[in-house]
Amino acid sequence: MSNVILRSVLVGFASVAAAIGIGVFVALPVVGALMLKNEASDNPPEFGWDSITFAHSHPVVFTLVPALIFAFGFLCGFLHFKQSLSRK
């Protein structure tokens, strides 16, 4: 059973890492491209992601969203590994 919990924790951490990767490498460039496309070319907007300012402004969101993603990944991993353990 401890093996199932350990594997589920790793799946939870992998879920958080995947969500961060998707946010940084997919969502941020898409939003930036849309912002640049919709603005006039005379004065293009600047965009960035200041995570420290975001964490100080929205501490609940900054901690709750990764915790929920981890919990969802952990639950999915736990159910999967528990089911595969009972089949053996």
PDB file of N, CA and C in Angstrom:
ATOM      1  N   MET A   1       0.823  -1.199   0.000  1.00  0.00           N
ATOM      2  CA  MET A   1       0.000   0.000   0.000  1.00  0.00           C
ATOM      3  C   MET A   1       0.864   1.259   0.000  1.00  0.00           C
ATOM      4  N   SER A   2       2.012   1.200   0.684  1.00  0.00           N
ATOM      5  CA  SER A   2       2.881   2.385   0.693  1.00  0.00           C
ATOM      6  C   SER A   2       3.439   2.665  -0.699  1.00  0.00           C
ATOM      7  N   ASN A   3       3.607   1.609  -1.493  1.00  0.00           N
ATOM      8  CA  ASN A   3       4.066   1.784  -2.865  1.00  0.00           C
ATOM      9  C   ASN A   3       3.016   2.545  -3.688  1.00  0.00           C
ATOM     10  N   VAL A   4       1.751   2.245  -3.452  1.00  0.00           N
ATOM     11  CA  VAL A   4       0.658   2.921  -4.149  1.00  0.00           C
ATOM     12  C   VAL A   4       0.641   4.403  -3.776  1.00  0.00           C
ATOM     13  N   ILE A   5       0.811   4.706  -2.490  1.00  0.00           N
ATOM     14  CA  ILE A   5       0.799   6.099  -2.040  1.00  0.00           C
ATOM     15  C   ILE A   5       1.991   6.851  -2.600  1.00  0.00           C
ATOM     16  N   LEU A   6       3.169   6.238  -2.590  1.00  0.00           N
ATOM     17  CA  LEU A   6       4.363   6.893  -3.135  1.00  0.00           C
ATOM     18  C   LEU A   6       4.197   7.191  -4.622  1.00  0.00           C
ATOM     19  N   ARG A   7       3.696   6.223  -5.357  1.00  0.00           N
ATOM     20  CA  ARG A   7       3.490   6.446  -6.788  1.00  0.00           C
ATOM     21  C   ARG A   7       2.434   7.522  -7.031  1.00  0.00           C
ATOM     22  N   SER A   8       1.416   7.569  -6.195  1.00  0.00           N
ATOM     23  CA  SER A   8       0.367   8.577  -6.335  1.00  0.00           C
ATOM     24  C   SER A   8       0.911   9.975  -6.036  1.00  0.00           C
ATOM     25  N   VAL A   9       1.793  10.092  -5.056  1.00  0.00           N
ATOM     26  CA  VAL A   9       2.425  11.385  -4.758  1.00  0.00           C
ATOM     27  C   VAL A   9       3.259  11.841  -5.950  1.00  0.00           C
ATOM     28  N   LEU A  10       3.983  10.924  -6.556  1.00  0.00           N
ATOM     29  CA  LEU A  10       4.780  11.284  -7.734  1.00  0.00           C
ATOM     30  C   LEU A  10       3.897  11.722  -8.899  1.00  0.00           C
ATOM     31  N   VAL A  11       2.762  11.071  -9.069  1.00  0.00           N
ATOM     32  CA  VAL A  11       1.819  11.488 -10.112  1.00  0.00           C
ATOM     33  C   VAL A  11       1.273  12.881  -9.803  1.00  0.00           C
ATOM     34  N   GLY A  12       1.014  13.166  -8.534  1.00  0.00           N
ATOM     35  CA  GLY A  12       0.556  14.499  -8.138  1.00  0.00           C
ATOM     36  C   GLY A  12       1.580  15.571  -8.468  1.00  0.00           C
ATOM     37  N   PHE A  13       2.851  15.323  -8.138  1.00  0.00           N
ATOM     38  CA  PHE A  13       3.905  16.285  -8.462  1.00  0.00           C
ATOM     39  C   PHE A  13       4.077  16.436  -9.974  1.00  0.00           C
ATOM     40  N   ALA A  14       3.957  15.330 -10.700  1.00  0.00           N
ATOM     41  CA  ALA A  14       4.051  15.399 -12.158  1.00  0.00           C
ATOM     42  C   ALA A  14       2.898  16.211 -12.745  1.00  0.00           C
ATOM     43  N   SER A  15       1.722  16.127 -12.140  1.00  0.00           N
ATOM     44  CA  SER A  15       0.574  16.917 -12.601  1.00  0.00           C
ATOM     45  C   SER A  15       0.824  18.408 -12.427  1.00  0.00           C
ATOM     46  N   VAL A  16       1.397  18.786 -11.291  1.00  0.00           N
ATOM     47  CA  VAL A  16       1.709  20.196 -11.052  1.00  0.00           C
ATOM     48  C   VAL A  16       2.772  20.667 -12.035  1.00  0.00           C
ATOM     49  N   ALA A  17       3.806  19.850 -12.263  1.00  0.00           N
ATOM     50  CA  ALA A  17       4.862  20.217 -13.207  1.00  0.00           C
ATOM     51  C   ALA A  17       4.310  20.354 -14.624  1.00  0.00           C
ATOM     52  N   ALA A  18       3.418  19.455 -15.014  1.00  0.00           N
ATOM     53  CA  ALA A  18       2.818  19.542 -16.350  1.00  0.00           C
ATOM     54  C   ALA A  18       1.955  20.790 -16.484  1.00  0.00           C
ATOM     55  N   ALA A  19       1.213  21.126 -15.434  1.00  0.00           N
ATOM     56  CA  ALA A  19       0.375  22.331 -15.484  1.00  0.00           C
ATOM     57  C   ALA A  19       1.225  23.590 -15.591  1.00  0.00           C
ATOM     58  N   ILE A  20       2.340  23.632 -14.867  1.00  0.00           N
ATOM     59  CA  ILE A  20       3.244  24.782 -14.964  1.00  0.00           C
ATOM     60  C   ILE A  20       3.845  24.859 -16.356  1.00  0.00           C
ATOM     61  N   GLY A  21       4.260  23.712 -16.886  1.00  0.00           N
ATOM     62  CA  GLY A  21       4.838  23.688 -18.228  1.00  0.00           C
ATOM     63  C   GLY A  21       3.857  24.140 -19.296  1.00  0.00           C
ATOM     64  N   ILE A  22       2.627  23.684 -19.194  1.00  0.00           N
ATOM     65  CA  ILE A  22       1.602  24.102 -20.159  1.00  0.00           C
ATOM     66  C   ILE A  22       1.331  25.590 -20.027  1.00  0.00           C
ATOM     67  N   GLY A  23       1.279  26.068 -18.790  1.00  0.00           N
ATOM     68  CA  GLY A  23       1.025  27.498 -18.582  1.00  0.00           C
ATOM     69  C   GLY A  23       2.129  28.373 -19.128  1.00  0.00           C
ATOM     70  N   VAL A  24       3.375  27.975 -18.917  1.00  0.00           N
ATOM     71  CA  VAL A  24       4.504  28.813 -19.328  1.00  0.00           C
ATOM     72  C   VAL A  24       4.800  28.674 -20.818  1.00  0.00           C
ATOM     73  N   PHE A  25       4.783  27.457 -21.326  1.00  0.00           N
ATOM     74  CA  PHE A  25       5.216  27.238 -22.703  1.00  0.00           C
ATOM     75  C   PHE A  25       4.091  27.246 -23.733  1.00  0.00           C
ATOM     76  N   VAL A  26       2.837  27.216 -23.286  1.00  0.00           N
ATOM     77  CA  VAL A  26       1.716  27.229 -24.232  1.00  0.00           C
ATOM     78  C   VAL A  26       0.834  28.458 -24.008  1.00  0.00           C
ATOM     79  N   ALA A  27       0.296  28.585 -22.805  1.00  0.00           N
ATOM     80  CA  ALA A  27      -0.685  29.646 -22.552  1.00  0.00           C
ATOM     81  C   ALA A  27      -0.070  31.045 -22.620  1.00  0.00           C
ATOM     82  N   LEU A  28       1.090  31.246 -22.021  1.00  0.00           N
ATOM     83  CA  LEU A  28       1.706  32.576 -22.023  1.00  0.00           C
ATOM     84  C   LEU A  28       2.065  33.050 -23.430  1.00  0.00           C
ATOM     85  N   PRO A  29       2.687  32.221 -24.290  1.00  0.00           N
ATOM     86  CA  PRO A  29       2.942  32.679 -25.660  1.00  0.00           C
ATOM     87  C   PRO A  29       1.668  32.931 -26.474  1.00  0.00           C
ATOM     88  N   VAL A  30       0.628  32.115 -26.248  1.00  0.00           N
ATOM     89  CA  VAL A  30      -0.628  32.316 -26.980  1.00  0.00           C
ATOM     90  C   VAL A  30      -1.259  33.651 -26.583  1.00  0.00           C
ATOM     91  N   VAL A  31      -1.302  33.931 -25.281  1.00  0.00           N
ATOM     92  CA  VAL A  31      -1.860  35.199 -24.812  1.00  0.00           C
ATOM     93  C   VAL A  31      -1.026  36.367 -25.332  1.00  0.00           C
ATOM     94  N   GLY A  32       0.281  36.220 -25.306  1.00  0.00           N
ATOM     95  CA  GLY A  32       1.151  37.275 -25.837  1.00  0.00           C
ATOM     96  C   GLY A  32       0.931  37.522 -27.315  1.00  0.00           C
ATOM     97  N   ALA A  33       0.791  36.449 -28.083  1.00  0.00           N
ATOM     98  CA  ALA A  33       0.553  36.604 -29.520  1.00  0.00           C
ATOM     99  C   ALA A  33      -0.791  37.271 -29.778  1.00  0.00           C
ATOM    100  N   LEU A  34      -1.800  36.902 -29.008  1.00  0.00           N
ATOM    101  CA  LEU A  34      -3.108  37.534 -29.184  1.00  0.00           C
ATOM    102  C   LEU A  34      -3.070  39.011 -28.802  1.00  0.00           C
ATOM    103  N   MET A  35      -2.321  39.345 -27.762  1.00  0.00           N
ATOM    104  CA  MET A  35      -2.202  40.749 -27.368  1.00  0.00           C
ATOM    105  C   MET A  35      -1.496  41.560 -28.447  1.00  0.00           C
ATOM    106  N   LEU A  36      -0.434  40.998 -29.015  1.00  0.00           N
ATOM    107  CA  LEU A  36       0.311  41.710 -30.039  1.00  0.00           C
ATOM    108  C   LEU A  36      -0.497  41.837 -31.326  1.00  0.00           C
ATOM    109  N   LYS A  37      -1.312  40.839 -31.625  1.00  0.00           N
ATOM    110  CA  LYS A  37      -2.115  40.855 -32.840  1.00  0.00           C
ATOM    111  C   LYS A  37      -3.226  41.905 -32.763  1.00  0.00           C
ATOM    112  N   ASN A  38      -3.807  42.088 -31.587  1.00  0.00           N
ATOM    113  CA  ASN A  38      -4.938  42.991 -31.442  1.00  0.00           C
ATOM    114  C   ASN A  38      -4.540  44.444 -31.215  1.00  0.00           C
ATOM    115  N   GLU A  39      -3.286  44.731 -30.970  1.00  0.00           N
ATOM    116  CA  GLU A  39      -2.844  46.103 -30.714  1.00  0.00           C
ATOM    117  C   GLU A  39      -2.353  46.754 -32.001  1.00  0.00           C
ATOM    118  N   ALA A  40      -2.403  48.073 -32.000  1.00  0.00           N
ATOM    119  CA  ALA A  40      -1.843  48.822 -33.126  1.00  0.00           C
ATOM    120  C   ALA A  40      -0.326  48.668 -33.112  1.00  0.00           C
ATOM    121  N   SER A  41       0.297  48.736 -34.262  1.00  0.00           N
ATOM    122  CA  SER A  41       1.734  48.500 -34.357  1.00  0.00           C
ATOM    123  C   SER A  41       2.569  49.692 -33.894  1.00  0.00           C
ATOM    124  N   ASP A  42       1.945  50.849 -33.631  1.00  0.00           N
ATOM    125  CA  ASP A  42       2.706  52.015 -33.197  1.00  0.00           C
ATOM    126  C   ASP A  42       3.304  51.817 -31.811  1.00  0.00           C
ATOM    127  N   ASN A  43       2.529  51.299 -30.912  1.00  0.00           N
ATOM    128  CA  ASN A  43       2.966  51.144 -29.533  1.00  0.00           C
ATOM    129  C   ASN A  43       2.557  49.759 -29.025  1.00  0.00           C
ATOM    130  N   PRO A  44       3.329  48.706 -29.338  1.00  0.00           N
ATOM    131  CA  PRO A  44       2.927  47.360 -28.914  1.00  0.00           C
ATOM    132  C   PRO A  44       3.001  47.220 -27.395  1.00  0.00           C
ATOM    133  N   PRO A  45       2.106  46.429 -26.824  1.00  0.00           N
ATOM    134  CA  PRO A  45       2.093  46.283 -25.362  1.00  0.00           C
ATOM    135  C   PRO A  45       3.235  45.399 -24.875  1.00  0.00           C
ATOM    136  N   GLU A  46       3.599  45.603 -23.651  1.00  0.00           N
ATOM    137  CA  GLU A  46       4.567  44.730 -23.014  1.00  0.00           C
ATOM    138  C   GLU A  46       3.801  43.764 -22.126  1.00  0.00           C
ATOM    139  N   PHE A  47       4.207  42.536 -22.129  1.00  0.00           N
ATOM    140  CA  PHE A  47       3.559  41.566 -21.264  1.00  0.00           C
ATOM    141  C   PHE A  47       4.635  40.686 -20.638  1.00  0.00           C
ATOM    142  N   GLY A  48       4.333  40.204 -19.494  1.00  0.00           N
ATOM    143  CA  GLY A  48       5.257  39.332 -18.778  1.00  0.00           C
ATOM    144  C   GLY A  48       4.539  38.670 -17.635  1.00  0.00           C
ATOM    145  N   TRP A  49       5.292  37.932 -16.887  1.00  0.00           N
ATOM    146  CA  TRP A  49       4.706  37.204 -15.796  1.00  0.00           C
ATOM    147  C   TRP A  49       5.601  37.373 -14.585  1.00  0.00           C
ATOM    148  N   ASP A  50       5.247  38.323 -13.760  1.00  0.00           N
ATOM    149  CA  ASP A  50       5.992  38.571 -12.539  1.00  0.00           C
ATOM    150  C   ASP A  50       5.354  37.732 -11.436  1.00  0.00           C
ATOM    151  N   SER A  51       5.904  36.558 -11.215  1.00  0.00           N
ATOM    152  CA  SER A  51       5.273  35.615 -10.293  1.00  0.00           C
ATOM    153  C   SER A  51       5.344  36.078  -8.842  1.00  0.00           C
ATOM    154  N   ILE A  52       6.368  36.843  -8.485  1.00  0.00           N
ATOM    155  CA  ILE A  52       6.468  37.318  -7.107  1.00  0.00           C
ATOM    156  C   ILE A  52       5.344  38.316  -6.816  1.00  0.00           C
ATOM    157  N   THR A  53       5.102  39.247  -7.729  1.00  0.00           N
ATOM    158  CA  THR A  53       4.016  40.206  -7.551  1.00  0.00           C
ATOM    159  C   THR A  53       2.676  39.487  -7.525  1.00  0.00           C
ATOM    160  N   PHE A  54       2.511  38.502  -8.387  1.00  0.00           N
ATOM    161  CA  PHE A  54       1.270  37.739  -8.419  1.00  0.00           C
ATOM    162  C   PHE A  54       1.060  36.983  -7.106  1.00  0.00           C
ATOM    163  N   ALA A  55       2.129  36.409  -6.563  1.00  0.00           N
ATOM    164  CA  ALA A  55       2.018  35.659  -5.310  1.00  0.00           C
ATOM    165  C   ALA A  55       1.665  36.576  -4.147  1.00  0.00           C
ATOM    166  N   HIS A  56       2.202  37.788  -4.142  1.00  0.00           N
ATOM    167  CA  HIS A  56       1.869  38.719  -3.065  1.00  0.00           C
ATOM    168  C   HIS A  56       0.462  39.293  -3.228  1.00  0.00           C
ATOM    169  N   SER A  57       0.024  39.465  -4.457  1.00  0.00           N
ATOM    170  CA  SER A  57      -1.302  40.026  -4.695  1.00  0.00           C
ATOM    171  C   SER A  57      -2.412  38.995  -4.506  1.00  0.00           C
ATOM    172  N   HIS A  58      -2.147  37.763  -4.881  1.00  0.00           N
ATOM    173  CA  HIS A  58      -3.160  36.705  -4.842  1.00  0.00           C
ATOM    174  C   HIS A  58      -2.599  35.462  -4.153  1.00  0.00           C
ATOM    175  N   PRO A  59      -2.317  35.503  -2.852  1.00  0.00           N
ATOM    176  CA  PRO A  59      -1.683  34.345  -2.202  1.00  0.00           C
ATOM    177  C   PRO A  59      -2.575  33.107  -2.160  1.00  0.00           C
ATOM    178  N   VAL A  60      -3.881  33.295  -2.093  1.00  0.00           N
ATOM    179  CA  VAL A  60      -4.773  32.132  -2.031  1.00  0.00           C
ATOM    180  C   VAL A  60      -4.762  31.390  -3.366  1.00  0.00           C
ATOM    181  N   VAL A  61      -4.840  32.135  -4.448  1.00  0.00           N
ATOM    182  CA  VAL A  61      -4.822  31.516  -5.779  1.00  0.00           C
ATOM    183  C   VAL A  61      -3.472  30.853  -6.028  1.00  0.00           C
ATOM    184  N   PHE A  62      -2.410  31.512  -5.607  1.00  0.00           N
ATOM    185  CA  PHE A  62      -1.059  31.008  -5.855  1.00  0.00           C
ATOM    186  C   PHE A  62      -0.796  29.697  -5.115  1.00  0.00           C
ATOM    187  N   THR A  63      -1.468  29.477  -3.990  1.00  0.00           N
ATOM    188  CA  THR A  63      -1.280  28.227  -3.248  1.00  0.00           C
ATOM    189  C   THR A  63      -2.403  27.226  -3.482  1.00  0.00           C
ATOM    190  N   LEU A  64      -3.620  27.705  -3.705  1.00  0.00           N
ATOM    191  CA  LEU A  64      -4.754  26.804  -3.832  1.00  0.00           C
ATOM    192  C   LEU A  64      -4.782  26.069  -5.173  1.00  0.00           C
ATOM    193  N   VAL A  65      -4.458  26.752  -6.250  1.00  0.00           N
ATOM    194  CA  VAL A  65      -4.507  26.114  -7.574  1.00  0.00           C
ATOM    195  C   VAL A  65      -3.510  24.960  -7.675  1.00  0.00           C
ATOM    196  N   PRO A  66      -2.217  25.142  -7.308  1.00  0.00           N
ATOM    197  CA  PRO A  66      -1.325  23.972  -7.343  1.00  0.00           C
ATOM    198  C   PRO A  66      -1.747  22.856  -6.390  1.00  0.00           C
ATOM    199  N   ALA A  67      -2.308  23.211  -5.241  1.00  0.00           N
ATOM    200  CA  ALA A  67      -2.763  22.184  -4.303  1.00  0.00           C
ATOM    201  C   ALA A  67      -3.917  21.379  -4.895  1.00  0.00           C
ATOM    202  N   LEU A  68      -4.839  22.051  -5.593  1.00  0.00           N
ATOM    203  CA  LEU A  68      -5.947  21.334  -6.226  1.00  0.00           C
ATOM    204  C   LEU A  68      -5.464  20.454  -7.376  1.00  0.00           C
ATOM    205  N   ILE A  69      -4.507  20.953  -8.149  1.00  0.00           N
ATOM    206  CA  ILE A  69      -3.953  20.147  -9.245  1.00  0.00           C
ATOM    207  C   ILE A  69      -3.240  18.922  -8.681  1.00  0.00           C
ATOM    208  N   PHE A  70      -2.465  19.123  -7.596  1.00  0.00           N
ATOM    209  CA  PHE A  70      -1.792  17.994  -6.955  1.00  0.00           C
ATOM    210  C   PHE A  70      -2.809  16.985  -6.435  1.00  0.00           C
ATOM    211  N   ALA A  71      -3.857  17.468  -5.780  1.00  0.00           N
ATOM    212  CA  ALA A  71      -4.867  16.560  -5.223  1.00  0.00           C
ATOM    213  C   ALA A  71      -5.561  15.763  -6.316  1.00  0.00           C
ATOM    214  N   PHE A  72      -5.866  16.415  -7.435  1.00  0.00           N
ATOM    215  CA  PHE A  72      -6.507  15.703  -8.545  1.00  0.00           C
ATOM    216  C   PHE A  72      -5.572  14.646  -9.122  1.00  0.00           C
ATOM    217  N   GLY A  73      -4.307  15.004  -9.320  1.00  0.00           N
ATOM    218  CA  GLY A  73      -3.338  14.032  -9.822  1.00  0.00           C
ATOM    219  C   GLY A  73      -3.129  12.879  -8.856  1.00  0.00           C
ATOM    220  N   PHE A  74      -3.050  13.205  -7.559  1.00  0.00           N
ATOM    221  CA  PHE A  74      -2.898  12.165  -6.543  1.00  0.00           C
ATOM    222  C   PHE A  74      -4.093  11.220  -6.551  1.00  0.00           C
ATOM    223  N   LEU A  75      -5.303  11.780  -6.615  1.00  0.00           N
ATOM    224  CA  LEU A  75      -6.509  10.948  -6.614  1.00  0.00           C
ATOM    225  C   LEU A  75      -6.555  10.039  -7.831  1.00  0.00           C
ATOM    226  N   CYS A  76      -6.269  10.596  -9.005  1.00  0.00           N
ATOM    227  CA  CYS A  76      -6.271   9.768 -10.222  1.00  0.00           C
ATOM    228  C   CYS A  76      -5.220   8.667 -10.141  1.00  0.00           C
ATOM    229  N   GLY A  77      -4.013   9.012  -9.677  1.00  0.00           N
ATOM    230  CA  GLY A  77      -2.964   8.016  -9.538  1.00  0.00           C
ATOM    231  C   GLY A  77      -3.319   6.961  -8.507  1.00  0.00           C
ATOM    232  N   PHE A  78      -3.871   7.394  -7.377  1.00  0.00           N
ATOM    233  CA  PHE A  78      -4.232   6.450  -6.319  1.00  0.00           C
ATOM    234  C   PHE A  78      -5.289   5.465  -6.800  1.00  0.00           C
ATOM    235  N   LEU A  79      -6.319   5.971  -7.464  1.00  0.00           N
ATOM    236  CA  LEU A  79      -7.369   5.073  -7.960  1.00  0.00           C
ATOM    237  C   LEU A  79      -6.822   4.105  -9.002  1.00  0.00           C
ATOM    238  N   HIS A  80      -5.956   4.600  -9.871  1.00  0.00           N
ATOM    239  CA  HIS A  80      -5.387   3.741 -10.914  1.00  0.00           C
ATOM    240  C   HIS A  80      -4.491   2.661 -10.304  1.00  0.00           C
ATOM    241  N   PHE A  81      -3.570   3.056  -9.424  1.00  0.00           N
ATOM    242  CA  PHE A  81      -2.632   2.093  -8.867  1.00  0.00           C
ATOM    243  C   PHE A  81      -3.308   1.143  -7.882  1.00  0.00           C
ATOM    244  N   LYS A  82      -4.316   1.615  -7.183  1.00  0.00           N
ATOM    245  CA  LYS A  82      -5.049   0.739  -6.265  1.00  0.00           C
ATOM    246  C   LYS A  82      -5.823  -0.316  -7.051  1.00  0.00           C
ATOM    247  N   GLN A  83      -6.411   0.105  -8.170  1.00  0.00           N
ATOM    248  CA  GLN A  83      -7.163  -0.826  -9.009  1.00  0.00           C
ATOM    249  C   GLN A  83      -6.219  -1.854  -9.641  1.00  0.00           C
ATOM    250  N   SER A  84      -5.051  -1.413 -10.095  1.00  0.00           N
ATOM    251  CA  SER A  84      -4.123  -2.360 -10.699  1.00  0.00           C
ATOM    252  C   SER A  84      -3.518  -3.296  -9.655  1.00  0.00           C
ATOM    253  N   LEU A  85      -3.428  -2.839  -8.400  1.00  0.00           N
ATOM    254  CA  LEU A  85      -2.938  -3.698  -7.328  1.00  0.00           C
ATOM    255  C   LEU A  85      -3.957  -4.770  -6.984  1.00  0.00           C
ATOM    256  N   SER A  86      -5.239  -4.437  -7.034  1.00  0.00           N
ATOM    257  CA  SER A  86      -6.273  -5.423  -6.683  1.00  0.00           C
ATOM    258  C   SER A  86      -6.466  -6.458  -7.787  1.00  0.00           C
ATOM    259  N   ARG A  87      -6.062  -6.151  -9.017  1.00  0.00           N
ATOM    260  CA  ARG A  87      -6.164  -7.127 -10.115  1.00  0.00           C
ATOM    261  C   ARG A  87      -5.136  -8.232 -10.002  1.00  0.00           C
ATOM    262  N   LYS A  88      -4.031  -7.944  -9.326  1.00  0.00           N
ATOM    263  CA  LYS A  88      -2.945  -8.955  -9.258  1.00  0.00           C
ATOM    264  C   LYS A  88      -3.267 -10.085  -8.348  1.00  0.00           C
TER     265      LYS A  88
END
